Amino acid sequence: MFLLTANVLLIILGYVDACVPTQNVVHTCSACAPIYDATCQGENLPSSSMYCLTDDEVPVTYTRGFCSTPCLSPDACMLSLDCPSGTAARIDSGSGDMNGNSDGSATFLYCDEGTGSWNAIIDGSTTSPILKVACRYP
């Protein structure tokens, strides 16, 4: 009886470690720091006329691996920034904000783990370096 109980307990503990598909994936990049603007307060904060969404509201998910086009990096940290309706991708390159893709499609960002520098692909052109990104209104 005890053995059966122990097996059931082990099975239950195995499921505790599983990831729920709706959760954000933990940032797995090492040299590339998270690029989403951590100062964003969320929808309608600080005001309904000017705000940026938190990374959980977007949601933001980083992936790490081979980046084929256009970066050709064997080890890159990547983010496809797909802003929710009513907000748009804004990219800070250090000299003011730029808009993401003009057609409203997701803006692709990547960082080569060898350099730790973020780049954005905006309307087919590479922009670098990138300091932070956010989904902003307006």
N, C-alpha and C. Protein backbone atom coordinates (compact mmCIF):
# COMPACT_ATOMS: atom_id res chain seq x y z
N MET A 1 0.82 -1.19 0.00
CA MET A 1 0.00 0.00 0.00
C MET A 1 0.86 1.25 0.00
N PHE A 2 1.93 1.27 0.82
CA PHE A 2 2.80 2.43 0.88
C PHE A 2 3.47 2.68 -0.47
N LEU A 3 3.88 1.63 -1.16
CA LEU A 3 4.53 1.76 -2.46
C LEU A 3 3.59 2.39 -3.46
N LEU A 4 2.35 1.99 -3.47
CA LEU A 4 1.36 2.57 -4.37
C LEU A 4 1.17 4.05 -4.07
N THR A 5 1.09 4.40 -2.81
CA THR A 5 0.94 5.81 -2.42
C THR A 5 2.16 6.61 -2.85
N ALA A 6 3.35 6.06 -2.70
CA ALA A 6 4.57 6.75 -3.10
C ALA A 6 4.58 6.98 -4.61
N ASN A 7 4.15 5.99 -5.40
CA ASN A 7 4.10 6.15 -6.85
C ASN A 7 3.12 7.23 -7.26
N VAL A 8 1.99 7.26 -6.64
CA VAL A 8 1.01 8.30 -6.93
C VAL A 8 1.58 9.67 -6.59
N LEU A 9 2.25 9.77 -5.47
CA LEU A 9 2.85 11.02 -5.05
C LEU A 9 3.90 11.47 -6.06
N LEU A 10 4.73 10.57 -6.54
CA LEU A 10 5.74 10.91 -7.53
C LEU A 10 5.11 11.40 -8.82
N ILE A 11 4.04 10.80 -9.23
CA ILE A 11 3.36 11.24 -10.44
C ILE A 11 2.81 12.64 -10.25
N ILE A 12 2.21 12.91 -9.14
CA ILE A 12 1.68 14.24 -8.86
C ILE A 12 2.80 15.27 -8.86
N LEU A 13 3.92 14.97 -8.22
CA LEU A 13 5.03 15.91 -8.20
C LEU A 13 5.58 16.15 -9.59
N GLY A 14 5.54 15.16 -10.46
CA GLY A 14 5.99 15.33 -11.83
C GLY A 14 5.16 16.36 -12.56
N TYR A 15 3.89 16.39 -12.31
CA TYR A 15 3.02 17.36 -12.96
C TYR A 15 3.20 18.77 -12.41
N VAL A 16 3.63 18.90 -11.19
CA VAL A 16 3.84 20.22 -10.59
C VAL A 16 4.93 20.96 -11.36
N ASP A 17 5.93 20.24 -11.89
CA ASP A 17 7.02 20.86 -12.61
C ASP A 17 6.65 21.24 -14.04
N ALA A 18 5.51 20.82 -14.53
CA ALA A 18 5.12 21.10 -15.91
C ALA A 18 4.77 22.56 -16.09
N CYS A 19 4.93 23.05 -17.30
CA CYS A 19 4.64 24.44 -17.62
C CYS A 19 3.24 24.55 -18.21
N VAL A 20 2.46 25.47 -17.73
CA VAL A 20 1.14 25.72 -18.29
C VAL A 20 1.34 26.54 -19.56
N PRO A 21 0.75 26.16 -20.70
CA PRO A 21 1.01 26.83 -21.97
C PRO A 21 0.72 28.34 -21.98
N THR A 22 -0.13 28.82 -21.10
CA THR A 22 -0.46 30.25 -21.11
C THR A 22 0.52 31.09 -20.31
N GLN A 23 1.49 30.47 -19.65
CA GLN A 23 2.47 31.23 -18.87
C GLN A 23 3.57 31.76 -19.77
N ASN A 24 4.16 32.92 -19.41
CA ASN A 24 5.31 33.42 -20.13
C ASN A 24 6.49 32.50 -19.87
N VAL A 25 7.30 32.30 -20.89
CA VAL A 25 8.49 31.48 -20.74
C VAL A 25 9.56 32.31 -20.03
N VAL A 26 10.26 31.71 -19.10
CA VAL A 26 11.31 32.41 -18.36
C VAL A 26 12.40 32.85 -19.34
N HIS A 27 12.93 34.04 -19.12
CA HIS A 27 14.00 34.58 -19.96
C HIS A 27 15.20 33.64 -19.90
N THR A 28 15.53 33.01 -21.03
CA THR A 28 16.59 32.00 -21.08
C THR A 28 17.89 32.54 -21.66
N CYS A 29 17.92 33.79 -22.04
CA CYS A 29 19.11 34.35 -22.66
C CYS A 29 20.11 34.73 -21.57
N SER A 30 21.40 34.73 -21.92
CA SER A 30 22.40 35.05 -20.90
C SER A 30 23.07 36.40 -21.17
N ALA A 31 23.74 36.57 -22.29
CA ALA A 31 24.42 37.84 -22.58
C ALA A 31 23.42 38.93 -22.96
N CYS A 32 22.28 38.54 -23.45
CA CYS A 32 21.25 39.48 -23.91
C CYS A 32 20.24 39.73 -22.80
N ALA A 33 20.26 40.93 -22.24
CA ALA A 33 19.33 41.29 -21.18
C ALA A 33 17.92 41.46 -21.76
N PRO A 34 16.88 41.26 -20.96
CA PRO A 34 15.52 41.49 -21.45
C PRO A 34 15.40 42.90 -22.03
N ILE A 35 14.76 43.01 -23.18
CA ILE A 35 14.68 44.28 -23.91
C ILE A 35 13.35 45.01 -23.70
N TYR A 36 12.31 44.31 -23.22
CA TYR A 36 11.02 44.97 -23.04
C TYR A 36 11.13 45.97 -21.88
N ASP A 37 10.56 47.15 -22.06
CA ASP A 37 10.66 48.25 -21.10
C ASP A 37 10.03 47.89 -19.76
N ALA A 38 10.87 47.71 -18.75
CA ALA A 38 10.40 47.32 -17.42
C ALA A 38 9.72 48.46 -16.67
N THR A 39 9.80 49.69 -17.19
CA THR A 39 9.15 50.82 -16.51
C THR A 39 7.68 50.96 -16.88
N CYS A 40 7.20 50.18 -17.84
CA CYS A 40 5.79 50.26 -18.23
C CYS A 40 4.90 49.86 -17.05
N GLN A 41 3.85 50.66 -16.83
CA GLN A 41 2.98 50.46 -15.67
C GLN A 41 1.71 49.69 -15.99
N GLY A 42 1.34 49.62 -17.26
CA GLY A 42 0.14 48.87 -17.63
C GLY A 42 -0.92 49.75 -18.27
N GLU A 43 -1.97 49.10 -18.74
CA GLU A 43 -3.05 49.80 -19.45
C GLU A 43 -3.63 50.92 -18.59
N ASN A 44 -3.74 52.10 -19.21
CA ASN A 44 -4.30 53.31 -18.60
C ASN A 44 -3.47 53.89 -17.46
N LEU A 45 -2.22 53.45 -17.31
CA LEU A 45 -1.34 53.99 -16.27
C LEU A 45 -0.08 54.57 -16.91
N PRO A 46 0.34 55.75 -16.67
CA PRO A 46 -0.18 56.65 -15.65
C PRO A 46 -1.47 57.36 -16.05
N SER A 47 -1.85 57.33 -17.35
CA SER A 47 -3.11 57.95 -17.75
C SER A 47 -3.69 57.19 -18.93
N SER A 48 -4.98 57.39 -19.20
CA SER A 48 -5.61 56.68 -20.31
C SER A 48 -5.20 57.25 -21.66
N SER A 49 -4.56 58.42 -21.68
CA SER A 49 -4.14 59.02 -22.94
C SER A 49 -2.68 58.74 -23.27
N MET A 50 -1.94 58.16 -22.32
CA MET A 50 -0.54 57.84 -22.58
C MET A 50 -0.09 56.73 -21.62
N TYR A 51 0.19 55.55 -22.17
CA TYR A 51 0.63 54.43 -21.34
C TYR A 51 1.36 53.41 -22.18
N CYS A 52 2.04 52.49 -21.52
CA CYS A 52 2.60 51.33 -22.20
C CYS A 52 2.26 50.09 -21.37
N LEU A 53 2.00 49.01 -22.08
CA LEU A 53 1.59 47.76 -21.44
C LEU A 53 2.78 47.09 -20.75
N THR A 54 2.50 46.35 -19.69
CA THR A 54 3.54 45.57 -19.04
C THR A 54 3.86 44.36 -19.91
N ASP A 55 4.98 43.72 -19.66
CA ASP A 55 5.35 42.54 -20.46
C ASP A 55 4.34 41.40 -20.30
N ASP A 56 3.69 41.30 -19.14
CA ASP A 56 2.66 40.28 -18.95
C ASP A 56 1.40 40.57 -19.76
N GLU A 57 1.07 41.84 -19.97
CA GLU A 57 -0.11 42.21 -20.73
C GLU A 57 0.06 41.97 -22.22
N VAL A 58 1.30 41.91 -22.72
CA VAL A 58 1.52 41.79 -24.17
C VAL A 58 1.16 40.38 -24.69
N PRO A 59 1.57 39.26 -24.28
CA PRO A 59 2.70 38.90 -23.42
C PRO A 59 4.01 38.85 -24.20
N VAL A 60 5.10 38.97 -23.48
CA VAL A 60 6.44 38.94 -24.06
C VAL A 60 7.06 37.57 -23.79
N THR A 61 7.53 36.92 -24.84
CA THR A 61 8.19 35.62 -24.71
C THR A 61 9.49 35.63 -25.50
N TYR A 62 10.59 35.40 -24.83
CA TYR A 62 11.90 35.32 -25.47
C TYR A 62 12.18 33.87 -25.84
N THR A 63 12.83 33.68 -26.98
CA THR A 63 13.30 32.35 -27.37
C THR A 63 14.80 32.45 -27.65
N ARG A 64 15.46 31.33 -27.52
CA ARG A 64 16.90 31.30 -27.77
C ARG A 64 17.21 30.16 -28.70
N GLY A 65 18.06 30.44 -29.71
CA GLY A 65 18.43 29.40 -30.65
C GLY A 65 19.04 30.00 -31.90
N PHE A 66 18.99 29.23 -32.99
CA PHE A 66 19.54 29.66 -34.27
C PHE A 66 18.62 30.69 -34.90
N CYS A 67 19.17 31.79 -35.33
CA CYS A 67 18.41 32.84 -36.02
C CYS A 67 18.85 32.84 -37.47
N SER A 68 17.98 32.39 -38.36
CA SER A 68 18.37 32.22 -39.76
C SER A 68 18.37 33.54 -40.53
N THR A 69 17.23 34.16 -40.68
CA THR A 69 17.14 35.37 -41.48
C THR A 69 16.58 36.47 -40.62
N PRO A 70 17.17 37.59 -40.58
CA PRO A 70 18.35 38.06 -41.31
C PRO A 70 19.63 38.01 -40.49
N CYS A 71 19.59 37.56 -39.26
CA CYS A 71 20.75 37.71 -38.38
C CYS A 71 21.83 36.66 -38.55
N LEU A 72 21.49 35.48 -39.03
CA LEU A 72 22.47 34.41 -39.26
C LEU A 72 23.34 34.13 -38.04
N SER A 73 22.73 34.10 -36.90
CA SER A 73 23.46 33.83 -35.66
C SER A 73 23.14 32.43 -35.17
N PRO A 74 24.16 31.64 -34.82
CA PRO A 74 23.90 30.30 -34.31
C PRO A 74 23.33 30.30 -32.89
N ASP A 75 23.48 31.42 -32.17
CA ASP A 75 23.01 31.50 -30.79
C ASP A 75 22.46 32.90 -30.53
N ALA A 76 21.16 33.05 -30.74
CA ALA A 76 20.54 34.37 -30.60
C ALA A 76 19.36 34.31 -29.63
N CYS A 77 19.11 35.43 -29.01
CA CYS A 77 17.92 35.63 -28.20
C CYS A 77 16.95 36.39 -29.10
N MET A 78 15.70 35.94 -29.19
CA MET A 78 14.76 36.53 -30.13
C MET A 78 13.43 36.86 -29.46
N LEU A 79 12.78 37.87 -30.01
CA LEU A 79 11.48 38.32 -29.53
C LEU A 79 10.67 38.79 -30.72
N SER A 80 9.47 38.27 -30.86
CA SER A 80 8.55 38.76 -31.87
C SER A 80 7.51 39.58 -31.12
N LEU A 81 7.61 40.91 -31.24
CA LEU A 81 6.75 41.82 -30.47
C LEU A 81 5.46 42.07 -31.24
N ASP A 82 4.40 41.42 -30.80
CA ASP A 82 3.08 41.53 -31.42
C ASP A 82 2.17 42.27 -30.45
N CYS A 83 2.06 43.56 -30.63
CA CYS A 83 1.31 44.40 -29.69
C CYS A 83 -0.20 44.22 -29.83
N PRO A 84 -0.91 44.16 -28.71
CA PRO A 84 -2.37 44.03 -28.73
C PRO A 84 -3.03 45.23 -29.41
N SER A 85 -4.24 45.02 -29.88
CA SER A 85 -5.02 46.06 -30.54
C SER A 85 -5.10 47.31 -29.66
N GLY A 86 -4.95 48.46 -30.28
CA GLY A 86 -5.00 49.72 -29.56
C GLY A 86 -3.63 50.24 -29.15
N THR A 87 -2.60 49.39 -29.27
CA THR A 87 -1.23 49.80 -28.97
C THR A 87 -0.36 49.51 -30.18
N ALA A 88 0.83 50.09 -30.19
CA ALA A 88 1.77 49.88 -31.29
C ALA A 88 3.17 49.72 -30.74
N ALA A 89 4.00 48.98 -31.48
CA ALA A 89 5.39 48.77 -31.07
C ALA A 89 6.17 50.08 -31.19
N ARG A 90 6.87 50.43 -30.13
CA ARG A 90 7.75 51.59 -30.12
C ARG A 90 9.13 51.09 -29.72
N ILE A 91 10.13 51.50 -30.51
CA ILE A 91 11.49 51.03 -30.31
C ILE A 91 12.38 52.22 -29.94
N ASP A 92 13.10 52.11 -28.84
CA ASP A 92 14.00 53.17 -28.38
C ASP A 92 15.42 52.81 -28.79
N SER A 93 15.99 53.62 -29.69
CA SER A 93 17.35 53.37 -30.14
C SER A 93 18.34 54.33 -29.49
N GLY A 94 17.86 55.09 -28.50
CA GLY A 94 18.73 56.04 -27.82
C GLY A 94 18.59 57.46 -28.34
N SER A 95 17.99 57.62 -29.51
CA SER A 95 17.80 58.96 -30.07
C SER A 95 16.31 59.21 -30.33
N GLY A 96 15.47 58.68 -29.47
CA GLY A 96 14.02 58.84 -29.63
C GLY A 96 13.37 57.56 -30.07
N ASP A 97 12.06 57.49 -29.90
CA ASP A 97 11.31 56.30 -30.28
C ASP A 97 11.08 56.22 -31.78
N MET A 98 11.12 54.99 -32.29
CA MET A 98 10.75 54.68 -33.67
C MET A 98 9.54 53.77 -33.60
N ASN A 99 8.74 53.80 -34.64
CA ASN A 99 7.60 52.88 -34.73
C ASN A 99 8.08 51.52 -35.20
N GLY A 100 7.32 50.49 -34.84
CA GLY A 100 7.57 49.15 -35.35
C GLY A 100 7.11 49.07 -36.80
N ASN A 101 6.81 47.88 -37.29
CA ASN A 101 6.40 47.70 -38.68
C ASN A 101 5.18 48.56 -39.01
N SER A 102 5.23 49.23 -40.16
CA SER A 102 4.17 50.15 -40.55
C SER A 102 2.85 49.45 -40.85
N ASP A 103 2.90 48.15 -41.17
CA ASP A 103 1.66 47.43 -41.48
C ASP A 103 1.00 46.83 -40.24
N GLY A 104 1.57 47.09 -39.07
CA GLY A 104 1.00 46.59 -37.82
C GLY A 104 1.38 45.16 -37.48
N SER A 105 2.18 44.52 -38.34
CA SER A 105 2.60 43.14 -38.05
C SER A 105 3.62 43.14 -36.91
N ALA A 106 3.86 41.96 -36.36
CA ALA A 106 4.81 41.82 -35.26
C ALA A 106 6.20 42.31 -35.68
N THR A 107 6.88 42.97 -34.77
CA THR A 107 8.23 43.46 -35.01
C THR A 107 9.21 42.43 -34.44
N PHE A 108 10.14 41.98 -35.28
CA PHE A 108 11.10 40.96 -34.88
C PHE A 108 12.34 41.63 -34.31
N LEU A 109 12.75 41.19 -33.13
CA LEU A 109 13.96 41.69 -32.49
C LEU A 109 14.88 40.52 -32.18
N TYR A 110 16.18 40.74 -32.32
CA TYR A 110 17.12 39.67 -32.01
C TYR A 110 18.40 40.24 -31.41
N CYS A 111 19.08 39.39 -30.67
CA CYS A 111 20.32 39.75 -30.01
C CYS A 111 21.27 38.57 -30.12
N ASP A 112 22.44 38.79 -30.71
CA ASP A 112 23.45 37.74 -30.78
C ASP A 112 24.04 37.57 -29.39
N GLU A 113 24.00 36.35 -28.87
CA GLU A 113 24.51 36.09 -27.52
C GLU A 113 26.01 36.37 -27.42
N GLY A 114 26.71 36.43 -28.54
CA GLY A 114 28.14 36.74 -28.51
C GLY A 114 28.43 38.21 -28.27
N THR A 115 27.51 39.09 -28.70
CA THR A 115 27.72 40.53 -28.55
C THR A 115 26.84 41.16 -27.48
N GLY A 116 25.67 40.59 -27.24
CA GLY A 116 24.73 41.14 -26.26
C GLY A 116 24.04 42.40 -26.73
N SER A 117 24.05 42.66 -28.03
CA SER A 117 23.45 43.87 -28.59
C SER A 117 22.16 43.53 -29.33
N TRP A 118 21.07 44.25 -29.00
CA TRP A 118 19.77 44.01 -29.62
C TRP A 118 19.62 44.78 -30.93
N ASN A 119 18.91 44.16 -31.88
CA ASN A 119 18.60 44.75 -33.18
C ASN A 119 17.12 44.53 -33.46
N ALA A 120 16.55 45.38 -34.31
CA ALA A 120 15.15 45.23 -34.71
C ALA A 120 15.06 45.20 -36.22
N ILE A 121 14.13 44.41 -36.72
CA ILE A 121 13.84 44.40 -38.15
C ILE A 121 12.54 45.18 -38.32
N ILE A 122 12.64 46.38 -38.88
CA ILE A 122 11.47 47.24 -39.06
C ILE A 122 11.26 47.45 -40.55
N ASP A 123 10.11 47.00 -41.04
CA ASP A 123 9.78 47.10 -42.47
C ASP A 123 10.91 46.56 -43.35
N GLY A 124 11.53 45.46 -42.92
CA GLY A 124 12.55 44.78 -43.71
C GLY A 124 13.97 45.28 -43.52
N SER A 125 14.16 46.36 -42.77
CA SER A 125 15.50 46.91 -42.55
C SER A 125 15.94 46.67 -41.10
N THR A 126 17.23 46.40 -40.93
CA THR A 126 17.77 46.17 -39.59
C THR A 126 18.14 47.50 -38.94
N THR A 127 17.69 47.68 -37.73
CA THR A 127 17.99 48.88 -36.94
C THR A 127 18.73 48.44 -35.68
N SER A 128 19.86 49.08 -35.40
CA SER A 128 20.60 48.74 -34.18
C SER A 128 21.40 49.95 -33.73
N PRO A 129 21.83 50.02 -32.52
CA PRO A 129 21.41 49.15 -31.43
C PRO A 129 20.05 49.58 -30.88
N ILE A 130 19.40 48.68 -30.19
CA ILE A 130 18.10 48.93 -29.58
C ILE A 130 18.28 48.90 -28.07
N LEU A 131 17.73 49.89 -27.38
CA LEU A 131 17.86 49.96 -25.92
C LEU A 131 16.67 49.31 -25.21
N LYS A 132 15.45 49.57 -25.72
CA LYS A 132 14.25 48.97 -25.13
C LYS A 132 13.10 49.09 -26.11
N VAL A 133 12.09 48.25 -25.89
CA VAL A 133 10.89 48.26 -26.72
C VAL A 133 9.67 48.19 -25.81
N ALA A 134 8.53 48.62 -26.35
CA ALA A 134 7.29 48.57 -25.58
C ALA A 134 6.10 48.65 -26.52
N CYS A 135 4.96 48.19 -26.05
CA CYS A 135 3.69 48.37 -26.74
C CYS A 135 3.04 49.59 -26.08
N ARG A 136 2.94 50.67 -26.85
CA ARG A 136 2.49 51.95 -26.29
C ARG A 136 1.18 52.43 -26.92
N TYR A 137 0.49 53.28 -26.16
CA TYR A 137 -0.67 54.01 -26.65
C TYR A 137 -0.43 55.46 -26.34
N PRO A 138 -0.63 56.38 -27.21
CA PRO A 138 -0.95 56.22 -28.63
C PRO A 138 0.27 55.91 -29.44
